[in-house]
Amino acid sequence: MAIGLLVLAGILLQPLFDGVLTVLLHLAVLVASMAVVIGIVNLISVHWMRVRHKEPRSVYSFVVIAAFLVTLLAGILINPNSPEFDRVITNLQYPIEASLMGLTVVSFTFSCLTLIKRQKRSLFVYLFMGSALIFMLLMIGFFDNINSPVLIMIVNIIKSIPIGGVRGLLIGMALGSLITGIRIITGSERPYAG
């Protein structure tokens, strides 16, 4: 609580606490990096024990350890700022993102079908299905070759709606973090107390 109040005072009264904030920032980076190292050691040791004791599904633990070692070696041998490293990461990340987006589409489609089954085909169900279909067609570029200025304006307005949603989510996360931080600083919430 004392550190939280000191950081809050440092942010509000920055000229007075400028040196203290720098020291606290360095300490926070040190503690966070040590927490990451401890987390990695714990993760590898737990998976190593599963592999050593030949527990069921220990193959997955072996895959985790192998992937960690490959990533660690790639990080040591290849400079993270090099184009080769960027190419490898991009070639791995894009297919994974595409698979996750495909799974999301399947999940949304299943949710829509479940909604249609359970609801008695109300107007809300058809609005939801129609908006989902319009957004999916927009995102795959179905309406990109339109020549009408009015339709282009409508498509651009519809494409800007998700940006507002993202901003709303970010504002909600920021407010939630702020409120949780204030509750922890004031001592009304103690997530660390078991």
N, C-alpha and C. Protein backbone atom coordinates (compact mmCIF):
# COMPACT_ATOMS: atom_id res chain seq x y z
N MET A 1 0.83 -1.19 0.00
CA MET A 1 0.00 0.00 0.00
C MET A 1 0.87 1.24 0.00
N ALA A 2 1.96 1.21 0.78
CA ALA A 2 2.82 2.38 0.86
C ALA A 2 3.49 2.67 -0.49
N ILE A 3 3.96 1.62 -1.18
CA ILE A 3 4.59 1.82 -2.49
C ILE A 3 3.56 2.33 -3.49
N GLY A 4 2.34 1.77 -3.44
CA GLY A 4 1.29 2.23 -4.35
C GLY A 4 0.96 3.69 -4.13
N LEU A 5 0.86 4.11 -2.86
CA LEU A 5 0.58 5.51 -2.57
C LEU A 5 1.74 6.40 -2.99
N LEU A 6 2.97 5.92 -2.83
CA LEU A 6 4.14 6.70 -3.24
C LEU A 6 4.17 6.88 -4.76
N VAL A 7 3.85 5.80 -5.51
CA VAL A 7 3.82 5.92 -6.97
C VAL A 7 2.70 6.85 -7.40
N LEU A 8 1.54 6.75 -6.76
CA LEU A 8 0.42 7.64 -7.09
C LEU A 8 0.79 9.08 -6.80
N ALA A 9 1.43 9.34 -5.67
CA ALA A 9 1.87 10.70 -5.37
C ALA A 9 2.93 11.17 -6.35
N GLY A 10 3.79 10.26 -6.76
CA GLY A 10 4.83 10.61 -7.73
C GLY A 10 4.24 10.99 -9.08
N ILE A 11 3.16 10.31 -9.47
CA ILE A 11 2.52 10.64 -10.74
C ILE A 11 1.80 11.98 -10.64
N LEU A 12 1.13 12.21 -9.51
CA LEU A 12 0.39 13.46 -9.36
C LEU A 12 1.31 14.65 -9.13
N LEU A 13 2.39 14.45 -8.39
CA LEU A 13 3.34 15.52 -8.07
C LEU A 13 4.69 15.18 -8.70
N GLN A 14 4.72 15.05 -10.01
CA GLN A 14 5.89 14.53 -10.70
C GLN A 14 7.17 15.33 -10.45
N PRO A 15 7.17 16.66 -10.47
CA PRO A 15 8.44 17.36 -10.27
C PRO A 15 9.09 17.08 -8.91
N LEU A 16 8.27 16.85 -7.89
CA LEU A 16 8.82 16.62 -6.55
C LEU A 16 9.39 15.21 -6.39
N PHE A 17 8.77 14.23 -7.08
CA PHE A 17 9.14 12.83 -6.89
C PHE A 17 9.83 12.23 -8.11
N ASP A 18 10.44 13.05 -8.94
CA ASP A 18 11.00 12.55 -10.19
C ASP A 18 12.09 11.50 -9.96
N GLY A 19 13.00 11.74 -9.04
CA GLY A 19 14.07 10.78 -8.75
C GLY A 19 13.54 9.51 -8.13
N VAL A 20 12.55 9.64 -7.26
CA VAL A 20 11.97 8.46 -6.60
C VAL A 20 11.27 7.58 -7.63
N LEU A 21 10.58 8.21 -8.59
CA LEU A 21 9.89 7.43 -9.62
C LEU A 21 10.87 6.63 -10.47
N THR A 22 12.02 7.22 -10.78
CA THR A 22 13.02 6.51 -11.57
C THR A 22 13.54 5.29 -10.82
N VAL A 23 13.82 5.46 -9.53
CA VAL A 23 14.30 4.33 -8.71
C VAL A 23 13.23 3.25 -8.63
N LEU A 24 11.97 3.66 -8.40
CA LEU A 24 10.89 2.68 -8.32
C LEU A 24 10.67 1.96 -9.65
N LEU A 25 10.83 2.68 -10.75
CA LEU A 25 10.69 2.05 -12.06
C LEU A 25 11.78 1.01 -12.28
N HIS A 26 13.02 1.34 -11.91
CA HIS A 26 14.11 0.37 -12.04
C HIS A 26 13.88 -0.85 -11.14
N LEU A 27 13.38 -0.61 -9.93
CA LEU A 27 13.07 -1.73 -9.03
C LEU A 27 11.95 -2.60 -9.60
N ALA A 28 10.94 -1.96 -10.17
CA ALA A 28 9.82 -2.73 -10.75
C ALA A 28 10.29 -3.57 -11.93
N VAL A 29 11.17 -3.01 -12.77
CA VAL A 29 11.70 -3.77 -13.90
C VAL A 29 12.53 -4.95 -13.39
N LEU A 30 13.32 -4.73 -12.35
CA LEU A 30 14.14 -5.81 -11.78
C LEU A 30 13.26 -6.91 -11.20
N VAL A 31 12.24 -6.53 -10.43
CA VAL A 31 11.35 -7.52 -9.83
C VAL A 31 10.58 -8.27 -10.91
N ALA A 32 10.10 -7.56 -11.93
CA ALA A 32 9.35 -8.21 -13.01
C ALA A 32 10.23 -9.19 -13.79
N SER A 33 11.48 -8.79 -14.06
CA SER A 33 12.37 -9.69 -14.80
C SER A 33 12.70 -10.93 -13.96
N MET A 34 12.91 -10.76 -12.67
CA MET A 34 13.17 -11.91 -11.81
C MET A 34 11.94 -12.82 -11.73
N ALA A 35 10.74 -12.22 -11.72
CA ALA A 35 9.51 -13.01 -11.70
C ALA A 35 9.38 -13.83 -12.98
N VAL A 36 9.78 -13.25 -14.12
CA VAL A 36 9.74 -13.98 -15.38
C VAL A 36 10.72 -15.15 -15.35
N VAL A 37 11.93 -14.91 -14.84
CA VAL A 37 12.93 -15.99 -14.76
C VAL A 37 12.43 -17.10 -13.84
N ILE A 38 11.87 -16.74 -12.69
CA ILE A 38 11.35 -17.76 -11.76
C ILE A 38 10.20 -18.52 -12.41
N GLY A 39 9.33 -17.82 -13.13
CA GLY A 39 8.22 -18.47 -13.82
C GLY A 39 8.71 -19.45 -14.88
N ILE A 40 9.74 -19.06 -15.64
CA ILE A 40 10.29 -19.95 -16.66
C ILE A 40 10.91 -21.19 -16.02
N VAL A 41 11.68 -20.99 -14.96
CA VAL A 41 12.31 -22.13 -14.27
C VAL A 41 11.24 -23.06 -13.71
N ASN A 42 10.20 -22.50 -13.14
CA ASN A 42 9.11 -23.32 -12.59
C ASN A 42 8.40 -24.09 -13.71
N LEU A 43 8.11 -23.42 -14.82
CA LEU A 43 7.43 -24.07 -15.94
C LEU A 43 8.25 -25.24 -16.48
N ILE A 44 9.54 -25.01 -16.69
CA ILE A 44 10.39 -26.07 -17.24
C ILE A 44 10.54 -27.21 -16.23
N SER A 45 10.70 -26.88 -14.94
CA SER A 45 10.87 -27.95 -13.95
C SER A 45 9.60 -28.80 -13.81
N VAL A 46 8.43 -28.18 -13.85
CA VAL A 46 7.18 -28.95 -13.76
C VAL A 46 7.03 -29.87 -14.96
N HIS A 47 7.29 -29.35 -16.14
CA HIS A 47 7.17 -30.18 -17.34
C HIS A 47 8.26 -31.25 -17.40
N TRP A 48 9.44 -30.93 -16.90
CA TRP A 48 10.51 -31.93 -16.87
C TRP A 48 10.15 -33.08 -15.94
N MET A 49 9.55 -32.78 -14.79
CA MET A 49 9.12 -33.84 -13.87
C MET A 49 8.06 -34.72 -14.53
N ARG A 50 7.15 -34.12 -15.29
CA ARG A 50 6.13 -34.93 -15.97
C ARG A 50 6.76 -35.86 -17.00
N VAL A 51 7.76 -35.35 -17.73
CA VAL A 51 8.44 -36.18 -18.72
C VAL A 51 9.23 -37.28 -18.03
N ARG A 52 9.93 -36.94 -16.94
CA ARG A 52 10.77 -37.91 -16.24
C ARG A 52 9.96 -39.04 -15.62
N HIS A 53 8.79 -38.69 -15.06
CA HIS A 53 7.95 -39.71 -14.42
C HIS A 53 7.01 -40.39 -15.41
N LYS A 54 7.11 -40.04 -16.68
CA LYS A 54 6.31 -40.64 -17.75
C LYS A 54 4.83 -40.62 -17.42
N GLU A 55 4.37 -39.46 -17.00
CA GLU A 55 2.95 -39.29 -16.70
C GLU A 55 2.14 -39.33 -17.99
N PRO A 56 0.83 -39.58 -17.86
CA PRO A 56 0.01 -39.53 -19.07
C PRO A 56 0.08 -38.14 -19.71
N ARG A 57 0.10 -38.13 -21.00
CA ARG A 57 0.20 -36.89 -21.79
C ARG A 57 1.50 -36.14 -21.55
N SER A 58 2.54 -36.86 -21.19
CA SER A 58 3.83 -36.20 -21.00
C SER A 58 4.45 -35.79 -22.33
N VAL A 59 3.86 -36.24 -23.42
CA VAL A 59 4.33 -35.82 -24.74
C VAL A 59 4.16 -34.31 -24.89
N TYR A 60 3.05 -33.78 -24.37
CA TYR A 60 2.82 -32.34 -24.44
C TYR A 60 3.86 -31.57 -23.64
N SER A 61 4.24 -32.13 -22.50
CA SER A 61 5.29 -31.49 -21.71
C SER A 61 6.61 -31.50 -22.46
N PHE A 62 6.89 -32.60 -23.16
CA PHE A 62 8.11 -32.65 -23.97
C PHE A 62 8.06 -31.60 -25.08
N VAL A 63 6.91 -31.42 -25.69
CA VAL A 63 6.76 -30.40 -26.74
C VAL A 63 6.99 -29.00 -26.17
N VAL A 64 6.49 -28.74 -24.96
CA VAL A 64 6.70 -27.44 -24.31
C VAL A 64 8.20 -27.20 -24.08
N ILE A 65 8.89 -28.21 -23.56
CA ILE A 65 10.33 -28.06 -23.29
C ILE A 65 11.10 -27.88 -24.60
N ALA A 66 10.77 -28.67 -25.63
CA ALA A 66 11.46 -28.55 -26.91
C ALA A 66 11.22 -27.18 -27.54
N ALA A 67 9.98 -26.70 -27.47
CA ALA A 67 9.67 -25.38 -28.04
C ALA A 67 10.41 -24.28 -27.29
N PHE A 68 10.51 -24.43 -25.97
CA PHE A 68 11.25 -23.44 -25.18
C PHE A 68 12.71 -23.43 -25.57
N LEU A 69 13.31 -24.62 -25.71
CA LEU A 69 14.73 -24.69 -26.06
C LEU A 69 14.99 -24.13 -27.46
N VAL A 70 14.11 -24.44 -28.41
CA VAL A 70 14.28 -23.90 -29.76
C VAL A 70 14.18 -22.38 -29.75
N THR A 71 13.21 -21.86 -29.02
CA THR A 71 13.03 -20.41 -28.93
C THR A 71 14.23 -19.76 -28.25
N LEU A 72 14.71 -20.39 -27.18
CA LEU A 72 15.87 -19.85 -26.47
C LEU A 72 17.10 -19.83 -27.37
N LEU A 73 17.34 -20.93 -28.09
CA LEU A 73 18.49 -20.97 -29.00
C LEU A 73 18.34 -19.95 -30.13
N ALA A 74 17.14 -19.81 -30.66
CA ALA A 74 16.93 -18.82 -31.72
C ALA A 74 17.18 -17.42 -31.20
N GLY A 75 16.76 -17.15 -29.96
CA GLY A 75 17.00 -15.84 -29.38
C GLY A 75 18.47 -15.56 -29.11
N ILE A 76 19.23 -16.63 -28.79
CA ILE A 76 20.66 -16.45 -28.52
C ILE A 76 21.46 -16.35 -29.81
N LEU A 77 21.15 -17.23 -30.78
CA LEU A 77 21.96 -17.30 -31.99
C LEU A 77 21.59 -16.23 -33.02
N ILE A 78 20.32 -15.88 -33.10
CA ILE A 78 19.88 -14.90 -34.09
C ILE A 78 19.58 -13.59 -33.38
N ASN A 79 20.05 -12.52 -33.93
CA ASN A 79 19.78 -11.20 -33.37
C ASN A 79 18.29 -10.89 -33.53
N PRO A 80 17.59 -10.52 -32.45
CA PRO A 80 16.15 -10.24 -32.57
C PRO A 80 15.83 -9.09 -33.53
N ASN A 81 16.78 -8.24 -33.82
CA ASN A 81 16.52 -7.13 -34.75
C ASN A 81 16.84 -7.48 -36.20
N SER A 82 17.31 -8.71 -36.43
CA SER A 82 17.70 -9.09 -37.79
C SER A 82 16.47 -9.46 -38.62
N PRO A 83 16.57 -9.31 -39.95
CA PRO A 83 15.43 -9.67 -40.81
C PRO A 83 15.12 -11.16 -40.79
N GLU A 84 16.14 -12.02 -40.55
CA GLU A 84 15.89 -13.46 -40.49
C GLU A 84 14.98 -13.81 -39.32
N PHE A 85 15.28 -13.23 -38.17
CA PHE A 85 14.46 -13.47 -36.99
C PHE A 85 13.03 -12.99 -37.23
N ASP A 86 12.91 -11.80 -37.82
CA ASP A 86 11.59 -11.25 -38.13
C ASP A 86 10.83 -12.15 -39.09
N ARG A 87 11.52 -12.69 -40.09
CA ARG A 87 10.89 -13.57 -41.07
C ARG A 87 10.41 -14.87 -40.41
N VAL A 88 11.24 -15.44 -39.53
CA VAL A 88 10.86 -16.68 -38.85
C VAL A 88 9.64 -16.44 -37.97
N ILE A 89 9.67 -15.37 -37.20
CA ILE A 89 8.54 -15.08 -36.31
C ILE A 89 7.28 -14.81 -37.11
N THR A 90 7.41 -14.06 -38.21
CA THR A 90 6.24 -13.76 -39.04
C THR A 90 5.68 -15.04 -39.66
N ASN A 91 6.56 -15.92 -40.15
CA ASN A 91 6.08 -17.16 -40.76
C ASN A 91 5.46 -18.11 -39.75
N LEU A 92 5.79 -17.97 -38.49
CA LEU A 92 5.14 -18.77 -37.46
C LEU A 92 3.88 -18.10 -36.95
N GLN A 93 3.93 -16.78 -36.78
CA GLN A 93 2.83 -16.08 -36.14
C GLN A 93 1.61 -15.97 -37.04
N TYR A 94 1.78 -15.68 -38.33
CA TYR A 94 0.63 -15.49 -39.21
C TYR A 94 -0.24 -16.75 -39.33
N PRO A 95 0.34 -17.94 -39.54
CA PRO A 95 -0.53 -19.12 -39.60
C PRO A 95 -1.25 -19.39 -38.28
N ILE A 96 -0.57 -19.13 -37.16
CA ILE A 96 -1.23 -19.34 -35.86
C ILE A 96 -2.38 -18.37 -35.69
N GLU A 97 -2.16 -17.09 -36.05
CA GLU A 97 -3.24 -16.10 -35.96
C GLU A 97 -4.39 -16.46 -36.89
N ALA A 98 -4.07 -16.92 -38.11
CA ALA A 98 -5.13 -17.30 -39.05
C ALA A 98 -5.93 -18.48 -38.51
N SER A 99 -5.26 -19.46 -37.88
CA SER A 99 -5.98 -20.60 -37.31
C SER A 99 -6.89 -20.15 -36.17
N LEU A 100 -6.38 -19.26 -35.33
CA LEU A 100 -7.21 -18.78 -34.23
C LEU A 100 -8.41 -17.99 -34.74
N MET A 101 -8.21 -17.19 -35.79
CA MET A 101 -9.33 -16.46 -36.36
C MET A 101 -10.34 -17.42 -36.98
N GLY A 102 -9.85 -18.49 -37.62
CA GLY A 102 -10.76 -19.50 -38.16
C GLY A 102 -11.58 -20.16 -37.06
N LEU A 103 -10.91 -20.48 -35.94
CA LEU A 103 -11.63 -21.07 -34.81
C LEU A 103 -12.65 -20.08 -34.24
N THR A 104 -12.30 -18.79 -34.24
CA THR A 104 -13.24 -17.78 -33.77
C THR A 104 -14.47 -17.73 -34.66
N VAL A 105 -14.26 -17.78 -35.96
CA VAL A 105 -15.40 -17.76 -36.89
C VAL A 105 -16.29 -18.98 -36.67
N VAL A 106 -15.67 -20.15 -36.50
CA VAL A 106 -16.46 -21.36 -36.26
C VAL A 106 -17.24 -21.24 -34.95
N SER A 107 -16.59 -20.69 -33.92
CA SER A 107 -17.27 -20.52 -32.62
C SER A 107 -18.43 -19.55 -32.75
N PHE A 108 -18.23 -18.43 -33.47
CA PHE A 108 -19.32 -17.47 -33.65
C PHE A 108 -20.46 -18.07 -34.46
N THR A 109 -20.13 -18.86 -35.48
CA THR A 109 -21.17 -19.49 -36.28
C THR A 109 -21.97 -20.46 -35.43
N PHE A 110 -21.28 -21.26 -34.63
CA PHE A 110 -21.97 -22.19 -33.74
C PHE A 110 -22.84 -21.44 -32.74
N SER A 111 -22.33 -20.32 -32.22
CA SER A 111 -23.12 -19.51 -31.28
C SER A 111 -24.37 -18.96 -31.94
N CYS A 112 -24.22 -18.51 -33.19
CA CYS A 112 -25.39 -17.99 -33.91
C CYS A 112 -26.43 -19.08 -34.12
N LEU A 113 -25.97 -20.26 -34.51
CA LEU A 113 -26.92 -21.36 -34.72
C LEU A 113 -27.61 -21.76 -33.41
N THR A 114 -26.85 -21.78 -32.33
CA THR A 114 -27.44 -22.09 -31.03
C THR A 114 -28.44 -21.02 -30.62
N LEU A 115 -28.11 -19.76 -30.91
CA LEU A 115 -29.02 -18.66 -30.59
C LEU A 115 -30.31 -18.78 -31.38
N ILE A 116 -30.19 -19.16 -32.65
CA ILE A 116 -31.40 -19.31 -33.48
C ILE A 116 -32.26 -20.46 -32.97
N LYS A 117 -31.62 -21.54 -32.53
CA LYS A 117 -32.38 -22.69 -32.02
C LYS A 117 -33.11 -22.36 -30.72
N ARG A 118 -32.41 -21.68 -29.82
CA ARG A 118 -32.97 -21.46 -28.49
C ARG A 118 -33.96 -20.30 -28.45
N GLN A 119 -33.71 -19.27 -29.20
CA GLN A 119 -34.64 -18.15 -29.26
C GLN A 119 -35.77 -18.53 -30.23
N LYS A 120 -36.88 -17.87 -30.09
CA LYS A 120 -37.99 -18.18 -30.96
C LYS A 120 -37.98 -17.28 -32.18
N ARG A 121 -36.80 -17.20 -32.82
CA ARG A 121 -36.61 -16.43 -34.05
C ARG A 121 -37.14 -15.01 -33.89
N SER A 122 -36.65 -14.36 -32.88
CA SER A 122 -37.05 -12.97 -32.65
C SER A 122 -36.27 -12.04 -33.56
N LEU A 123 -36.63 -10.79 -33.56
CA LEU A 123 -35.96 -9.79 -34.39
C LEU A 123 -34.49 -9.65 -34.00
N PHE A 124 -34.19 -9.79 -32.71
CA PHE A 124 -32.81 -9.68 -32.22
C PHE A 124 -31.91 -10.72 -32.88
N VAL A 125 -32.41 -11.94 -33.04
CA VAL A 125 -31.61 -13.01 -33.63
C VAL A 125 -31.26 -12.66 -35.07
N TYR A 126 -32.24 -12.18 -35.82
CA TYR A 126 -31.97 -11.85 -37.22
C TYR A 126 -31.07 -10.62 -37.35
N LEU A 127 -31.19 -9.65 -36.46
CA LEU A 127 -30.28 -8.50 -36.47
C LEU A 127 -28.86 -8.93 -36.16
N PHE A 128 -28.71 -9.83 -35.19
CA PHE A 128 -27.38 -10.33 -34.83
C PHE A 128 -26.76 -11.09 -36.00
N MET A 129 -27.53 -11.98 -36.61
CA MET A 129 -27.01 -12.75 -37.75
C MET A 129 -26.66 -11.83 -38.92
N GLY A 130 -27.53 -10.86 -39.20
CA GLY A 130 -27.27 -9.94 -40.31
C GLY A 130 -26.03 -9.10 -40.08
N SER A 131 -25.86 -8.57 -38.85
CA SER A 131 -24.68 -7.75 -38.57
C SER A 131 -23.41 -8.59 -38.61
N ALA A 132 -23.48 -9.82 -38.11
CA ALA A 132 -22.30 -10.70 -38.17
C ALA A 132 -21.93 -10.99 -39.61
N LEU A 133 -22.92 -11.26 -40.45
CA LEU A 133 -22.65 -11.54 -41.86
C LEU A 133 -22.06 -10.32 -42.56
N ILE A 134 -22.62 -9.14 -42.30
CA ILE A 134 -22.12 -7.91 -42.92
C ILE A 134 -20.67 -7.66 -42.50
N PHE A 135 -20.37 -7.80 -41.21
CA PHE A 135 -19.00 -7.56 -40.74
C PHE A 135 -18.02 -8.58 -41.31
N MET A 136 -18.45 -9.84 -41.42
CA MET A 136 -17.54 -10.84 -42.00
C MET A 136 -17.27 -10.53 -43.47
N LEU A 137 -18.30 -10.14 -44.22
CA LEU A 137 -18.10 -9.79 -45.63
C LEU A 137 -17.22 -8.55 -45.77
N LEU A 138 -17.37 -7.60 -44.86
CA LEU A 138 -16.53 -6.40 -44.90
C LEU A 138 -15.08 -6.73 -44.62
N MET A 139 -14.84 -7.59 -43.64
CA MET A 139 -13.48 -7.88 -43.24
C MET A 139 -12.71 -8.72 -44.28
N ILE A 140 -13.44 -9.51 -45.08
CA ILE A 140 -12.73 -10.27 -46.11
C ILE A 140 -12.59 -9.48 -47.40
N GLY A 141 -13.11 -8.24 -47.43
CA GLY A 141 -12.94 -7.37 -48.59
C GLY A 141 -13.96 -7.58 -49.69
N PHE A 142 -15.13 -8.08 -49.33
CA PHE A 142 -16.17 -8.35 -50.33
C PHE A 142 -16.68 -7.06 -50.98
N PHE A 143 -16.70 -5.97 -50.22
CA PHE A 143 -17.24 -4.71 -50.73
C PHE A 143 -16.15 -3.73 -51.17
N ASP A 144 -14.94 -4.20 -51.42
CA ASP A 144 -13.84 -3.29 -51.75
C ASP A 144 -13.92 -2.72 -53.17
N ASN A 145 -14.61 -3.39 -54.08
CA ASN A 145 -14.66 -2.94 -55.48
C ASN A 145 -15.96 -2.20 -55.81
N ILE A 146 -16.45 -1.43 -54.87
CA ILE A 146 -17.69 -0.67 -55.07
C ILE A 146 -17.35 0.65 -55.73
N ASN A 147 -18.18 1.07 -56.71
CA ASN A 147 -17.95 2.33 -57.41
C ASN A 147 -18.84 3.46 -56.93
N SER A 148 -19.86 3.17 -56.17
CA SER A 148 -20.80 4.19 -55.72
C SER A 148 -20.23 4.95 -54.52
N PRO A 149 -20.16 6.29 -54.59
CA PRO A 149 -19.62 7.04 -53.45
C PRO A 149 -20.46 6.90 -52.18
N VAL A 150 -21.76 6.76 -52.33
CA VAL A 150 -22.63 6.61 -51.16
C VAL A 150 -22.35 5.28 -50.47
N LEU A 151 -22.23 4.19 -51.25
CA LEU A 151 -21.94 2.88 -50.66
C LEU A 151 -20.54 2.85 -50.05
N ILE A 152 -19.58 3.53 -50.68
CA ILE A 152 -18.23 3.60 -50.12
C ILE A 152 -18.26 4.29 -48.76
N MET A 153 -19.05 5.38 -48.66
CA MET A 153 -19.16 6.09 -47.39
C MET A 153 -19.80 5.20 -46.33
N ILE A 154 -20.85 4.45 -46.71
CA ILE A 154 -21.53 3.56 -45.75
C ILE A 154 -20.57 2.45 -45.29
N VAL A 155 -19.82 1.88 -46.24
CA VAL A 155 -18.86 0.82 -45.90
C VAL A 155 -17.78 1.36 -44.96
N ASN A 156 -17.29 2.56 -45.22
CA ASN A 156 -16.27 3.16 -44.33
C ASN A 156 -16.82 3.43 -42.94
N ILE A 157 -18.08 3.86 -42.87
CA ILE A 157 -18.69 4.09 -41.55
C ILE A 157 -18.82 2.77 -40.80
N ILE A 158 -19.26 1.73 -41.50
CA ILE A 158 -19.42 0.42 -40.84
C ILE A 158 -18.07 -0.13 -40.42
N LYS A 159 -17.03 0.08 -41.26
CA LYS A 159 -15.69 -0.41 -40.90
C LYS A 159 -15.11 0.32 -39.70
N SER A 160 -15.58 1.55 -39.42
CA SER A 160 -15.05 2.29 -38.28
C SER A 160 -15.72 1.90 -36.97
N ILE A 161 -16.81 1.17 -37.02
CA ILE A 161 -17.52 0.77 -35.80
C ILE A 161 -16.65 -0.09 -34.89
N PRO A 162 -15.91 -1.11 -35.41
CA PRO A 162 -15.05 -1.89 -34.51
C PRO A 162 -13.99 -1.06 -33.79
N ILE A 163 -13.53 0.03 -34.42
CA ILE A 163 -12.54 0.89 -33.76
C ILE A 163 -13.14 1.50 -32.50
N GLY A 164 -14.40 1.92 -32.59
CA GLY A 164 -15.09 2.44 -31.41
C GLY A 164 -15.24 1.37 -30.34
N GLY A 165 -15.52 0.14 -30.76
CA GLY A 165 -15.62 -0.96 -29.80
C GLY A 165 -14.31 -1.24 -29.11
N VAL A 166 -13.22 -1.18 -29.88
CA VAL A 166 -11.89 -1.40 -29.29
C VAL A 166 -11.57 -0.30 -28.30
N ARG A 167 -11.89 0.93 -28.67
CA ARG A 167 -11.66 2.05 -27.74
C ARG A 167 -12.47 1.86 -26.47
N GLY A 168 -13.71 1.42 -26.62
CA GLY A 168 -14.54 1.17 -25.44
C GLY A 168 -13.94 0.08 -24.55
N LEU A 169 -13.44 -1.00 -25.18
CA LEU A 169 -12.80 -2.06 -24.41
C LEU A 169 -11.57 -1.54 -23.68
N LEU A 170 -10.75 -0.74 -24.38
CA LEU A 170 -9.54 -0.21 -23.75
C LEU A 170 -9.88 0.72 -22.59
N ILE A 171 -10.90 1.56 -22.78
CA ILE A 171 -11.32 2.45 -21.69
C ILE A 171 -11.84 1.64 -20.52
N GLY A 172 -12.62 0.58 -20.82
CA GLY A 172 -13.13 -0.28 -19.74
C GLY A 172 -12.00 -0.98 -18.99
N MET A 173 -11.00 -1.47 -19.72
CA MET A 173 -9.86 -2.11 -19.05
C MET A 173 -9.08 -1.12 -18.21
N ALA A 174 -8.91 0.10 -18.74
CA ALA A 174 -8.17 1.11 -17.98
C ALA A 174 -8.92 1.48 -16.71
N LEU A 175 -10.24 1.66 -16.81
CA LEU A 175 -11.03 1.99 -15.62
C LEU A 175 -11.02 0.84 -14.61
N GLY A 176 -11.12 -0.40 -15.12
CA GLY A 176 -11.06 -1.55 -14.21
C GLY A 176 -9.73 -1.65 -13.50
N SER A 177 -8.63 -1.42 -14.24
CA SER A 177 -7.30 -1.45 -13.63
C SER A 177 -7.15 -0.34 -12.60
N LEU A 178 -7.66 0.84 -12.96
CA LEU A 178 -7.57 1.98 -12.04
C LEU A 178 -8.34 1.71 -10.75
N ILE A 179 -9.55 1.19 -10.89
CA ILE A 179 -10.36 0.92 -9.70
C ILE A 179 -9.74 -0.18 -8.86
N THR A 180 -9.24 -1.24 -9.52
CA THR A 180 -8.57 -2.31 -8.77
C THR A 180 -7.33 -1.78 -8.06
N GLY A 181 -6.55 -0.93 -8.75
CA GLY A 181 -5.36 -0.33 -8.13
C GLY A 181 -5.71 0.50 -6.92
N ILE A 182 -6.77 1.30 -7.03
CA ILE A 182 -7.20 2.14 -5.90
C ILE A 182 -7.67 1.26 -4.75
N ARG A 183 -8.40 0.18 -5.07
CA ARG A 183 -8.86 -0.72 -4.00
C ARG A 183 -7.68 -1.40 -3.31
N ILE A 184 -6.64 -1.75 -4.07
CA ILE A 184 -5.47 -2.38 -3.45
C ILE A 184 -4.69 -1.37 -2.62
N ILE A 185 -4.55 -0.14 -3.15
CA ILE A 185 -3.79 0.90 -2.42
C ILE A 185 -4.49 1.23 -1.11
N THR A 186 -5.82 1.33 -1.14
CA THR A 186 -6.55 1.69 0.08
C THR A 186 -6.71 0.50 1.03
N GLY A 187 -6.38 -0.70 0.56
CA GLY A 187 -6.44 -1.87 1.43
C GLY A 187 -7.81 -2.52 1.48
N SER A 188 -8.77 -2.07 0.65
CA SER A 188 -10.09 -2.69 0.68
C SER A 188 -10.12 -4.01 -0.10
N GLU A 189 -9.12 -4.26 -0.92
CA GLU A 189 -9.01 -5.54 -1.62
C GLU A 189 -7.59 -6.07 -1.43
N ARG A 190 -7.49 -7.32 -1.08
CA ARG A 190 -6.18 -7.93 -0.82
C ARG A 190 -6.07 -9.23 -1.61
N PRO A 191 -5.66 -9.14 -2.89
CA PRO A 191 -5.57 -10.36 -3.70
C PRO A 191 -4.43 -11.26 -3.26
N TYR A 192 -3.46 -10.70 -2.56
CA TYR A 192 -2.30 -11.49 -2.14
C TYR A 192 -2.57 -12.24 -0.86
N ALA A 193 -3.67 -11.93 -0.16
CA ALA A 193 -3.97 -12.62 1.10
C ALA A 193 -4.70 -13.92 0.78
N GLY A 194 -4.12 -15.04 1.15
CA GLY A 194 -4.69 -16.35 0.82
C GLY A 194 -5.78 -16.67 1.74
